[in-house]
Amino acid sequence: MKPPELIALDGMLLRRWTPADAPTLHAAVLESFEALHPWMPWAAERPQADEQAAFVELTIGQWDAGEAFVYGIFDPGGERLLGTAGLHARVGPGALEIGYWLHRDHTGKGLMTRAAGALTDAGFALPGIGRIEIHCDEANTASAAVPRRLGYRLDRVEEIGREAPAEIGRRMIWAKTRR
């Protein structure tokens, strides 16, 4: 069983990536690069269009294999990319991790809290999923605000070393368990 390929929320649409989305994703990453670079290890350098196309193809394959369910977050008409978020099976059996980022023009509006809340619900609707986590560096207070607002609890902080320039190398692991 997989989550829905389309999740409509007030003011936004979470939609599974398609190959046609690669140019839109590339443009959004370039526009938001200065905001992403400090926090995202994959944004060490400005990505090229072919790298974004490969990322989209990777997410399509992961979705089909049930390994990850990554969505583009679009405006209600599905035209403007607001960010991306996904459910990733990389934190052990019976658990998923939510990863996310927003376009620089759409931060601070509660969009990611709503998107991550919808993904939390979608994740818990999957059979066998009893725990969902959100990971972020301790210095990334904006990212940490999302799980805090959604009622996740801080499970632990792990010393992992810096992976991106603004990080301090202390990863906060926020967790929520199925009720």
Protein backbone atom coordinates (compact mmCIF):
# COMPACT_ATOMS: atom_id res chain seq x y z
CA MET A 1 0.00 0.00 0.00
CA LYS A 2 1.19 3.51 -0.83
CA PRO A 3 0.04 6.99 0.19
CA PRO A 4 -2.13 9.01 -2.18
CA GLU A 5 -0.30 10.49 -5.16
CA LEU A 6 -2.18 13.76 -4.66
CA ILE A 7 -3.03 15.47 -1.38
CA ALA A 8 -5.12 18.64 -1.67
CA LEU A 9 -4.91 21.08 1.23
CA ASP A 10 -6.26 24.58 1.62
CA GLY A 11 -3.85 26.77 -0.34
CA MET A 12 -1.59 24.01 -1.65
CA LEU A 13 -1.36 20.72 -3.41
CA LEU A 14 1.08 17.91 -2.63
CA ARG A 15 1.66 15.92 -5.79
CA ARG A 16 3.95 13.04 -6.68
CA TRP A 17 6.77 14.19 -8.97
CA THR A 18 6.57 13.59 -12.70
CA PRO A 19 9.41 13.92 -15.24
CA ALA A 20 7.80 17.13 -16.52
CA ASP A 21 8.39 18.74 -13.09
CA ALA A 22 12.20 18.64 -13.32
CA PRO A 23 12.64 22.11 -14.91
CA THR A 24 10.30 23.66 -12.33
CA LEU A 25 12.21 21.98 -9.50
CA HIS A 26 15.53 23.12 -10.92
CA ALA A 27 14.34 26.73 -11.15
CA ALA A 28 13.02 26.65 -7.56
CA VAL A 29 16.28 25.20 -6.22
CA LEU A 30 18.30 27.86 -8.03
CA GLU A 31 16.02 30.64 -6.76
CA SER A 32 16.27 29.30 -3.21
CA PHE A 33 19.90 28.21 -3.30
CA GLU A 34 21.16 30.82 -0.84
CA ALA A 35 18.56 29.66 1.72
CA LEU A 36 19.10 25.93 1.04
CA HIS A 37 22.90 25.88 0.88
CA PRO A 38 23.49 26.49 4.63
CA TRP A 39 21.27 23.56 5.68
CA MET A 40 21.09 20.96 2.92
CA PRO A 41 24.12 18.76 2.24
CA TRP A 42 22.86 18.11 -1.30
CA ALA A 43 23.01 21.89 -1.95
CA ALA A 44 26.77 22.17 -1.48
CA GLU A 45 26.95 23.53 -5.04
CA ARG A 46 24.32 24.94 -7.36
CA PRO A 47 22.70 21.88 -8.95
CA GLN A 48 22.54 21.48 -12.68
CA ALA A 49 19.33 20.80 -14.61
CA ASP A 50 20.37 17.21 -15.33
CA GLU A 51 20.90 16.59 -11.60
CA GLN A 52 17.38 17.75 -10.82
CA ALA A 53 16.00 15.57 -13.62
CA ALA A 54 17.91 12.61 -12.15
CA PHE A 55 16.50 13.41 -8.70
CA VAL A 56 12.95 13.40 -10.05
CA GLU A 57 13.57 10.07 -11.81
CA LEU A 58 15.04 8.68 -8.59
CA THR A 59 11.96 9.71 -6.60
CA ILE A 60 9.69 8.10 -9.18
CA GLY A 61 11.60 4.83 -8.87
CA GLN A 62 11.62 5.02 -5.06
CA TRP A 63 7.87 5.60 -5.05
CA ASP A 64 7.26 2.63 -7.32
CA ALA A 65 9.50 0.47 -5.07
CA GLY A 66 7.80 1.73 -1.87
CA GLU A 67 11.09 3.15 -0.51
CA ALA A 68 10.13 6.83 -0.40
CA PHE A 69 7.13 8.96 -1.27
CA VAL A 70 8.33 12.41 -2.30
CA TYR A 71 5.95 15.19 -3.27
CA GLY A 72 6.27 18.55 -4.91
CA ILE A 73 4.32 21.15 -2.95
CA PHE A 74 2.47 23.32 -5.45
CA ASP A 75 0.02 26.19 -5.38
CA PRO A 76 -3.63 25.07 -5.64
CA GLY A 77 -3.52 25.22 -9.46
CA GLY A 78 -0.45 22.99 -9.57
CA GLU A 79 1.59 25.60 -11.44
CA ARG A 80 3.97 27.24 -8.93
CA LEU A 81 6.34 25.07 -6.88
CA LEU A 82 6.31 26.05 -3.20
CA GLY A 83 8.71 23.34 -1.99
CA THR A 84 9.05 19.62 -1.56
CA ALA A 85 8.40 17.09 1.20
CA GLY A 86 8.50 13.35 1.46
CA LEU A 87 8.13 10.23 3.51
CA HIS A 88 11.35 8.21 3.56
CA ALA A 89 11.83 4.61 4.73
CA ARG A 90 15.33 5.24 6.11
CA VAL A 91 14.86 5.14 9.88
CA GLY A 92 14.18 1.46 10.48
CA PRO A 93 11.27 -0.94 10.28
CA GLY A 94 7.82 0.39 11.07
CA ALA A 95 9.00 4.00 10.79
CA LEU A 96 9.26 6.78 8.23
CA GLU A 97 11.15 10.06 8.20
CA ILE A 98 9.68 13.27 6.80
CA GLY A 99 12.14 15.49 4.96
CA TYR A 100 11.29 18.90 3.52
CA TRP A 101 12.27 22.33 2.24
CA LEU A 102 10.38 25.38 1.02
CA HIS A 103 11.08 27.90 -1.72
CA ARG A 104 12.53 31.06 -0.18
CA ASP A 105 9.41 33.06 -1.09
CA HIS A 106 7.06 30.76 0.82
CA THR A 107 8.67 30.33 4.25
CA GLY A 108 7.15 31.63 7.47
CA LYS A 109 3.54 31.12 6.36
CA GLY A 110 2.78 27.78 8.03
CA LEU A 111 2.81 25.91 4.72
CA MET A 112 5.37 23.32 5.79
CA THR A 113 3.62 22.68 9.07
CA ARG A 114 0.42 21.90 7.15
CA ALA A 115 2.26 19.80 4.55
CA ALA A 116 4.18 17.82 7.20
CA GLY A 117 0.94 17.33 9.14
CA ALA A 118 -0.71 15.88 6.04
CA LEU A 119 2.31 13.60 5.48
CA THR A 120 2.19 12.51 9.11
CA ASP A 121 -1.43 11.44 8.59
CA ALA A 122 -0.60 9.76 5.27
CA GLY A 123 2.31 7.89 6.85
CA PHE A 124 0.25 6.59 9.75
CA ALA A 125 -2.41 5.43 7.28
CA LEU A 126 0.11 2.97 5.83
CA PRO A 127 0.09 -0.55 7.28
CA GLY A 128 2.87 -1.29 9.74
CA ILE A 129 3.91 2.32 10.32
CA GLY A 130 3.89 3.15 14.01
CA ARG A 131 6.48 5.95 14.19
CA ILE A 132 7.30 9.00 12.13
CA GLU A 133 10.41 11.11 12.64
CA ILE A 134 11.61 14.53 11.53
CA HIS A 135 15.36 15.19 11.69
CA CYS A 136 17.08 18.57 11.65
CA ASP A 137 20.22 20.19 12.92
CA GLU A 138 19.87 21.81 16.33
CA ALA A 139 20.79 25.21 14.86
CA ASN A 140 17.98 25.05 12.28
CA THR A 141 15.28 26.59 14.45
CA ALA A 142 12.87 27.16 11.54
CA SER A 143 12.96 23.47 10.62
CA ALA A 144 12.62 22.40 14.27
CA ALA A 145 9.51 24.57 14.66
CA VAL A 146 7.57 22.27 12.31
CA PRO A 147 7.62 19.09 14.42
CA ARG A 148 7.18 21.14 17.59
CA ARG A 149 3.97 22.68 16.18
CA LEU A 150 2.71 19.25 15.13
CA GLY A 151 3.08 17.74 18.59
CA TYR A 152 6.16 15.64 17.86
CA ARG A 153 8.41 15.11 20.87
CA LEU A 154 12.15 15.57 20.89
CA ASP A 155 13.30 11.96 21.17
CA ARG A 156 17.04 12.56 21.22
CA VAL A 157 19.93 14.64 19.93
CA GLU A 158 22.77 12.85 18.14
CA GLU A 159 26.28 14.15 17.55
CA ILE A 160 26.83 13.52 13.84
CA GLY A 161 29.25 16.20 12.73
CA ARG A 162 28.52 19.04 10.34
CA GLU A 163 27.11 18.05 6.95
CA ALA A 164 26.23 21.57 5.73
CA PRO A 165 27.79 24.98 6.43
CA ALA A 166 25.28 26.36 9.00
CA GLU A 167 24.93 23.15 10.95
CA ILE A 168 26.54 22.60 14.33
CA GLY A 169 26.52 18.82 13.92
CA ARG A 170 23.87 18.01 16.51
CA ARG A 171 20.90 16.29 14.88
CA MET A 172 17.56 16.61 16.63
CA ILE A 173 15.35 13.54 16.19
CA TRP A 174 11.68 14.46 16.62
CA ALA A 175 9.24 11.55 16.84
CA LYS A 176 5.54 10.89 16.83
CA THR A 177 3.97 7.51 17.41
CA ARG A 178 0.65 6.23 16.19
CA ARG A 179 -2.10 6.69 18.75
